Amino acid sequence: MPKAKFPAAVLLLLTLIGVAPLTASAPLSASAATVADTIKASSMNVKMIFDGVSLQPPTGQHVFTYNNTTYVPLRFMSYALQKSVNWDAKSVKVTVSEPSSSELVVIKEYLMNVGNVGSISAVTKNIMLGKVKASFVFNGSTKTVPTGQGSYMLNGTLYVPLRFLSESVGNNISWNQTTKTITAESPSYQAQVTPTPVVPVATPTGSGPTSTPSPKPSSGTTGGGAGGSGALTYEQITGDTEAKLNALRDQSTSTLYGLAIEYVSAKDAAAKANLVAKGKQQLSSFTASFNSIITDAEQKLKSNGHSTAIIAQYRATFEAELQKGMALAEGMAG
């Protein structure tokens, strides 16, 4: 039976919301040290097209220009390019790489649920972002943001320069200033849309047009293969579930880490209270997502005739980590 995995970012969130007032703990002091400065920018109305498909970032994410450089949300852009993203909060490092087959399934589900297809809302707004001293690894190679540019975080979303991302990830990403359109094309997509010469097919001599062979009927073989039965194996279901939980864990860690940075940087009690409220909302959202993933997995296990014992293991591990986070928060408050 595979080892249970789960979104463990509740630990960080409980550290954020469990201490009132928040003490200068070592982990959060270290996190705050990664914030070098804050900037003010205006979001832009843009359209994003990835391999011919229009996509829109999740609500609350932006595209903006700062010092003549266009910035985009790293995770959304990477997922839209069908790349895997891992955020290490301790070392403040982002790793972008080719996804595994199970990760690719999760990424495609994410893209199907990020929002309405089309351009971002026409409403522009002023945003304040914290400059983050992050390091980047793309496909095993360490990359550095060019001098004079930076990486910035807002509400758990990390933003990077568009050209830096394009050159690092290896996809062709262009920016049309006139139409405010970002277009990204993968090598495989470019190969598909490149016209190929049409080779005429010789018509066989004889009477009348050639007939198309009718498809062969299926053999109707029954038995223990995967030959169209539609049944899912235990490994397929649990592997897909754990890939979804890992993606949720990465997303929640990134979001909550960003809130923690903003909390420490906040100057007044009202701003801190607002961030605490956001943290509680995020915890509720992530917990609901966790329960949805587990419920779906349990139904699939049952319908395919497999044991559901691992569901209890998932939930027990989640609850144990939740209690550990509460204990940590109480200890910090003391």
Protein backbone atom coordinates (compact mmCIF):
# COMPACT_ATOMS: atom_id res chain seq x y z
CA MET A 1 0.00 0.00 0.00
CA PRO A 2 1.45 3.40 -0.94
CA LYS A 3 2.42 5.84 1.74
CA ALA A 4 -0.23 8.46 2.40
CA LYS A 5 0.55 11.98 1.22
CA PHE A 6 -1.47 15.13 1.90
CA PRO A 7 -1.45 18.95 1.71
CA ALA A 8 0.61 19.81 4.81
CA ALA A 9 0.56 23.60 4.46
CA VAL A 10 -1.92 23.84 7.35
CA LEU A 11 1.19 23.93 9.53
CA LEU A 12 2.24 27.29 8.12
CA LEU A 13 -1.27 28.70 8.18
CA LEU A 14 -1.80 27.79 11.81
CA THR A 15 1.48 29.51 12.60
CA LEU A 16 0.04 32.57 10.88
CA ILE A 17 -3.41 32.63 12.50
CA GLY A 18 -2.66 30.96 15.84
CA VAL A 19 -0.54 33.72 17.36
CA ALA A 20 -2.11 37.02 18.38
CA PRO A 21 -0.10 39.16 18.35
CA LEU A 22 2.36 37.32 16.13
CA THR A 23 5.72 36.88 17.80
CA ALA A 24 9.03 37.23 15.99
CA SER A 25 9.54 33.51 15.57
CA ALA A 26 12.60 32.16 13.80
CA PRO A 27 10.81 30.73 10.76
CA LEU A 28 8.78 33.87 10.07
CA SER A 29 11.72 36.17 10.75
CA ALA A 30 13.71 34.21 8.21
CA SER A 31 10.82 34.45 5.77
CA ALA A 32 10.55 38.19 6.25
CA ALA A 33 14.26 38.53 5.54
CA THR A 34 13.64 37.31 2.02
CA VAL A 35 11.53 40.39 1.30
CA ALA A 36 13.92 43.08 0.08
CA ASP A 37 11.44 45.84 -0.80
CA THR A 38 7.90 46.57 -1.91
CA ILE A 39 6.76 48.05 -5.23
CA LYS A 40 3.59 49.61 -6.53
CA ALA A 41 2.35 48.63 -9.98
CA SER A 42 -0.83 48.70 -12.06
CA SER A 43 -2.35 45.52 -13.44
CA MET A 44 -2.97 45.31 -17.19
CA ASN A 45 -5.81 44.00 -19.32
CA VAL A 46 -4.26 41.21 -21.34
CA LYS A 47 -5.21 38.17 -23.36
CA MET A 48 -3.24 34.94 -23.03
CA ILE A 49 -3.08 32.29 -25.74
CA PHE A 50 -1.27 29.00 -25.13
CA ASP A 51 -0.87 26.66 -28.08
CA GLY A 52 -3.87 28.31 -29.75
CA VAL A 53 -6.09 28.17 -26.64
CA SER A 54 -7.13 31.27 -24.67
CA LEU A 55 -6.68 30.92 -20.91
CA GLN A 56 -7.24 33.24 -17.98
CA PRO A 57 -5.33 33.23 -14.67
CA PRO A 58 -7.27 32.56 -11.45
CA THR A 59 -9.12 35.46 -9.86
CA GLY A 60 -6.75 37.70 -7.93
CA GLN A 61 -3.73 37.11 -10.17
CA HIS A 62 -2.43 39.81 -12.48
CA VAL A 63 -0.12 40.78 -15.30
CA PHE A 64 1.70 44.07 -14.73
CA THR A 65 4.57 46.20 -16.01
CA TYR A 66 7.30 47.57 -13.75
CA ASN A 67 10.34 49.48 -15.02
CA ASN A 68 9.41 48.63 -18.62
CA THR A 69 9.34 44.91 -17.84
CA THR A 70 6.21 42.75 -18.12
CA TYR A 71 5.61 40.40 -15.18
CA VAL A 72 3.42 37.30 -15.13
CA PRO A 73 2.28 34.78 -12.47
CA LEU A 74 4.88 32.01 -12.50
CA ARG A 75 2.76 29.01 -11.45
CA PHE A 76 -0.14 29.77 -13.78
CA MET A 77 2.17 30.44 -16.72
CA SER A 78 4.18 27.27 -16.04
CA TYR A 79 1.03 25.15 -15.76
CA ALA A 80 -0.32 26.72 -18.97
CA LEU A 81 2.96 25.64 -20.58
CA GLN A 82 2.32 22.21 -19.00
CA LYS A 83 5.33 22.33 -16.70
CA SER A 84 5.54 21.09 -13.13
CA VAL A 85 6.26 23.68 -10.41
CA ASN A 86 7.69 23.03 -6.96
CA TRP A 87 8.04 25.75 -4.31
CA ASP A 88 10.50 25.21 -1.44
CA ALA A 89 9.47 27.76 1.19
CA LYS A 90 12.49 27.12 3.42
CA SER A 91 15.12 27.82 0.78
CA VAL A 92 12.86 30.17 -1.22
CA LYS A 93 13.54 28.17 -4.39
CA VAL A 94 11.31 27.50 -7.38
CA THR A 95 11.87 24.42 -9.52
CA VAL A 96 10.17 24.16 -12.91
CA SER A 97 10.47 20.85 -14.76
CA GLU A 98 8.73 18.43 -17.07
CA PRO A 99 5.75 16.83 -15.29
CA SER A 100 5.23 13.15 -14.69
CA SER A 101 2.18 11.57 -16.28
CA SER A 102 0.19 11.85 -13.05
CA GLU A 103 1.28 15.47 -12.55
CA LEU A 104 0.22 16.27 -16.11
CA VAL A 105 -3.28 14.99 -15.35
CA VAL A 106 -3.50 17.36 -12.38
CA ILE A 107 -2.14 20.28 -14.39
CA LYS A 108 -4.73 19.77 -17.12
CA GLU A 109 -7.50 19.62 -14.52
CA TYR A 110 -6.17 22.85 -13.03
CA LEU A 111 -6.26 24.57 -16.41
CA MET A 112 -9.84 23.44 -16.95
CA ASN A 113 -10.90 25.13 -13.72
CA VAL A 114 -8.91 28.37 -13.60
CA GLY A 115 -11.80 30.51 -14.79
CA ASN A 116 -13.57 31.79 -17.85
CA VAL A 117 -11.70 31.43 -21.10
CA GLY A 118 -10.73 34.76 -22.64
CA SER A 119 -9.11 37.97 -21.55
CA ILE A 120 -8.59 39.16 -18.00
CA SER A 121 -11.23 41.47 -16.50
CA ALA A 122 -11.19 44.94 -17.97
CA VAL A 123 -10.83 46.43 -14.49
CA THR A 124 -7.27 47.56 -13.74
CA LYS A 125 -6.09 48.15 -10.20
CA ASN A 126 -3.08 49.31 -8.29
CA ILE A 127 -1.26 46.50 -6.51
CA MET A 128 1.51 46.38 -3.90
CA LEU A 129 3.99 43.52 -4.17
CA GLY A 130 6.91 42.40 -2.04
CA LYS A 131 10.23 41.75 -3.76
CA VAL A 132 11.35 38.21 -2.96
CA LYS A 133 14.92 36.90 -3.06
CA ALA A 134 14.01 33.68 -4.81
CA SER A 135 16.25 31.29 -6.73
CA PHE A 136 15.11 29.40 -9.82
CA VAL A 137 15.88 26.02 -11.38
CA PHE A 138 14.48 25.23 -14.84
CA ASN A 139 14.87 21.68 -16.11
CA GLY A 140 17.84 21.14 -13.80
CA SER A 141 19.63 24.39 -14.68
CA THR A 142 19.91 27.28 -12.23
CA LYS A 143 18.68 30.57 -13.68
CA THR A 144 19.07 34.12 -12.39
CA VAL A 145 16.67 36.98 -12.96
CA PRO A 146 18.48 39.66 -15.01
CA THR A 147 20.03 42.63 -13.23
CA GLY A 148 17.55 45.44 -12.76
CA GLN A 149 14.60 43.04 -12.64
CA GLY A 150 13.25 40.92 -9.81
CA SER A 151 10.66 38.44 -8.58
CA TYR A 152 7.67 39.66 -6.59
CA MET A 153 4.96 38.08 -4.46
CA LEU A 154 1.34 39.02 -3.82
CA ASN A 155 -1.16 36.85 -1.95
CA GLY A 156 0.99 33.78 -2.36
CA THR A 157 1.52 34.25 -6.09
CA LEU A 158 5.06 34.71 -7.36
CA TYR A 159 5.57 36.97 -10.38
CA VAL A 160 8.58 36.88 -12.72
CA PRO A 161 9.61 38.76 -15.89
CA LEU A 162 7.93 37.35 -18.99
CA ARG A 163 11.12 37.27 -21.08
CA PHE A 164 13.06 35.59 -18.26
CA LEU A 165 10.42 32.87 -18.07
CA SER A 166 10.37 32.43 -21.84
CA GLU A 167 14.13 32.02 -22.11
CA SER A 168 14.34 29.76 -19.06
CA VAL A 169 11.50 27.38 -19.83
CA GLY A 170 12.37 26.91 -23.51
CA ASN A 171 9.01 27.84 -25.01
CA ASN A 172 8.41 30.63 -27.48
CA ILE A 173 6.54 33.33 -25.53
CA SER A 174 5.79 36.65 -27.20
CA TRP A 175 4.23 39.91 -26.03
CA ASN A 176 2.22 42.12 -28.37
CA GLN A 177 2.17 45.61 -26.88
CA THR A 178 -0.46 46.86 -29.31
CA THR A 179 -3.07 44.16 -28.66
CA LYS A 180 -1.91 43.41 -25.10
CA THR A 181 -1.64 39.72 -25.95
CA ILE A 182 0.74 37.08 -24.58
CA THR A 183 1.18 34.16 -26.95
CA ALA A 184 3.05 30.98 -26.02
CA GLU A 185 3.78 28.05 -28.28
CA SER A 186 5.44 24.77 -27.42
CA PRO A 187 7.82 23.11 -29.90
CA SER A 188 5.30 20.30 -30.46
CA TYR A 189 2.52 22.78 -31.23
CA GLN A 190 4.74 24.72 -33.63
CA ALA A 191 5.50 21.49 -35.43
CA GLN A 192 1.80 20.73 -35.76
CA VAL A 193 0.84 24.11 -37.19
CA THR A 194 3.74 24.21 -39.65
CA PRO A 195 2.23 23.36 -43.03
CA THR A 196 3.57 20.21 -44.64
CA PRO A 197 3.69 19.56 -48.37
CA VAL A 198 0.68 17.75 -49.75
CA VAL A 199 1.74 14.63 -51.55
CA PRO A 200 -0.79 13.56 -54.20
CA VAL A 201 -2.00 10.02 -53.88
CA ALA A 202 -1.97 8.08 -57.11
CA THR A 203 -5.35 6.77 -58.14
CA PRO A 204 -5.18 3.09 -58.95
CA THR A 205 -6.13 2.12 -62.46
CA GLY A 206 -9.28 0.19 -62.83
CA SER A 207 -12.96 0.74 -62.64
CA GLY A 208 -14.33 3.29 -60.23
CA PRO A 209 -13.03 4.83 -57.03
CA THR A 210 -11.18 2.83 -54.46
CA SER A 211 -13.18 1.59 -51.53
CA THR A 212 -12.20 2.26 -47.96
CA PRO A 213 -11.66 -0.93 -45.99
CA SER A 214 -14.27 -1.30 -43.28
CA PRO A 215 -12.88 -1.36 -39.75
CA LYS A 216 -12.26 -4.73 -38.27
CA PRO A 217 -14.68 -5.67 -35.53
CA SER A 218 -13.31 -6.00 -32.04
CA SER A 219 -12.36 -9.49 -31.10
CA GLY A 220 -14.66 -9.44 -28.12
CA THR A 221 -12.01 -11.12 -26.05
CA THR A 222 -12.82 -11.16 -22.37
CA GLY A 223 -10.53 -11.71 -19.49
CA GLY A 224 -8.08 -10.06 -17.21
CA GLY A 225 -6.62 -7.36 -19.47
CA ALA A 226 -7.38 -3.69 -19.61
CA GLY A 227 -8.92 -4.27 -23.04
CA GLY A 228 -11.63 -1.65 -22.89
CA SER A 229 -13.24 -2.83 -19.65
CA GLY A 230 -12.90 0.70 -18.22
CA ALA A 231 -11.90 -0.63 -14.81
CA LEU A 232 -9.31 1.38 -12.89
CA THR A 233 -6.58 -0.37 -10.94
CA TYR A 234 -5.84 0.40 -7.31
CA GLU A 235 -2.49 1.90 -8.29
CA GLN A 236 -4.10 4.17 -10.90
CA ILE A 237 -6.62 5.56 -8.44
CA THR A 238 -4.22 6.09 -5.52
CA GLY A 239 -1.48 7.41 -7.81
CA ASP A 240 -3.84 9.97 -9.33
CA THR A 241 -5.14 10.91 -5.86
CA GLU A 242 -1.69 11.46 -4.43
CA ALA A 243 -0.67 13.52 -7.47
CA LYS A 244 -3.68 15.78 -6.84
CA LEU A 245 -2.82 16.03 -3.13
CA ASN A 246 0.76 16.93 -3.95
CA ALA A 247 -0.40 19.66 -6.33
CA LEU A 248 -2.77 20.98 -3.66
CA ARG A 249 0.05 20.90 -1.14
CA ASP A 250 2.33 22.94 -3.41
CA GLN A 251 -0.43 25.45 -4.12
CA SER A 252 -1.36 25.85 -0.46
CA THR A 253 2.26 26.15 0.66
CA SER A 254 2.91 28.89 -1.89
CA THR A 255 -0.25 30.81 -0.98
CA LEU A 256 0.18 30.57 2.77
CA TYR A 257 3.86 31.40 2.65
CA GLY A 258 2.99 34.55 0.72
CA LEU A 259 0.39 35.52 3.34
CA ALA A 260 2.96 34.97 6.08
CA ILE A 261 5.41 37.30 4.32
CA GLU A 262 2.73 39.94 3.90
CA TYR A 263 1.70 39.59 7.55
CA VAL A 264 5.19 40.21 8.85
CA SER A 265 5.61 43.15 6.47
CA ALA A 266 2.23 44.72 7.37
CA LYS A 267 2.50 48.03 9.21
CA ASP A 268 -0.85 48.30 11.01
CA ALA A 269 -3.29 46.12 12.93
CA ALA A 270 -6.06 46.45 10.32
CA ALA A 271 -3.84 45.06 7.58
CA LYS A 272 -2.72 42.20 9.80
CA ALA A 273 -6.33 41.39 10.72
CA ASN A 274 -7.26 41.34 7.03
CA LEU A 275 -4.42 38.91 6.29
CA VAL A 276 -5.48 36.68 9.19
CA ALA A 277 -9.01 36.59 7.73
CA LYS A 278 -7.58 35.67 4.34
CA GLY A 279 -5.53 32.93 5.98
CA LYS A 280 -8.62 31.42 7.59
CA GLN A 281 -10.48 31.54 4.28
CA GLN A 282 -7.58 29.81 2.56
CA LEU A 283 -7.49 27.10 5.21
CA SER A 284 -11.19 26.48 4.71
CA SER A 285 -10.75 26.36 0.94
CA PHE A 286 -7.78 23.98 1.05
CA THR A 287 -9.53 21.70 3.55
CA ALA A 288 -12.59 21.59 1.29
CA SER A 289 -10.38 20.73 -1.68
CA PHE A 290 -8.70 17.99 0.36
CA ASN A 291 -12.07 16.50 1.30
CA SER A 292 -13.27 16.67 -2.32
CA ILE A 293 -10.18 14.81 -3.56
CA ILE A 294 -10.54 12.14 -0.89
CA THR A 295 -14.27 11.69 -1.48
CA ASP A 296 -13.69 11.25 -5.21
CA ALA A 297 -10.95 8.70 -4.55
CA GLU A 298 -13.16 6.75 -2.14
CA GLN A 299 -15.97 6.55 -4.70
CA LYS A 300 -13.60 5.34 -7.41
CA LEU A 301 -12.10 2.69 -5.13
CA LYS A 302 -15.55 1.40 -4.22
CA SER A 303 -16.91 1.40 -7.76
CA ASN A 304 -13.88 -0.53 -9.00
CA GLY A 305 -14.01 -3.10 -6.22
CA HIS A 306 -10.90 -2.03 -4.29
CA SER A 307 -10.24 -1.61 -0.59
CA THR A 308 -10.87 1.89 0.80
CA ALA A 309 -8.61 1.45 3.83
CA ILE A 310 -6.15 4.02 2.55
CA ILE A 311 -8.83 6.74 2.76
CA ALA A 312 -8.76 6.51 6.54
CA GLN A 313 -4.97 6.73 6.37
CA TYR A 314 -5.16 9.90 4.28
CA ARG A 315 -7.58 11.51 6.71
CA ALA A 316 -5.70 10.39 9.83
CA THR A 317 -2.44 11.79 8.50
CA PHE A 318 -4.11 15.07 7.63
CA GLU A 319 -5.67 15.39 11.09
CA ALA A 320 -2.38 14.50 12.78
CA GLU A 321 -0.59 17.27 10.89
CA LEU A 322 -3.40 19.66 11.77
CA GLN A 323 -2.95 18.92 15.48
CA LYS A 324 0.81 19.30 15.14
CA GLY A 325 0.31 22.74 13.63
CA MET A 326 -2.00 23.78 16.46
CA ALA A 327 0.54 22.66 19.02
CA LEU A 328 3.25 24.63 17.30
CA ALA A 329 1.11 27.76 17.18
CA GLU A 330 0.23 27.46 20.88
CA GLY A 331 3.89 26.99 21.76
CA MET A 332 4.86 30.11 19.86
CA ALA A 333 2.19 32.12 21.65
CA GLY A 334 3.45 31.08 25.04
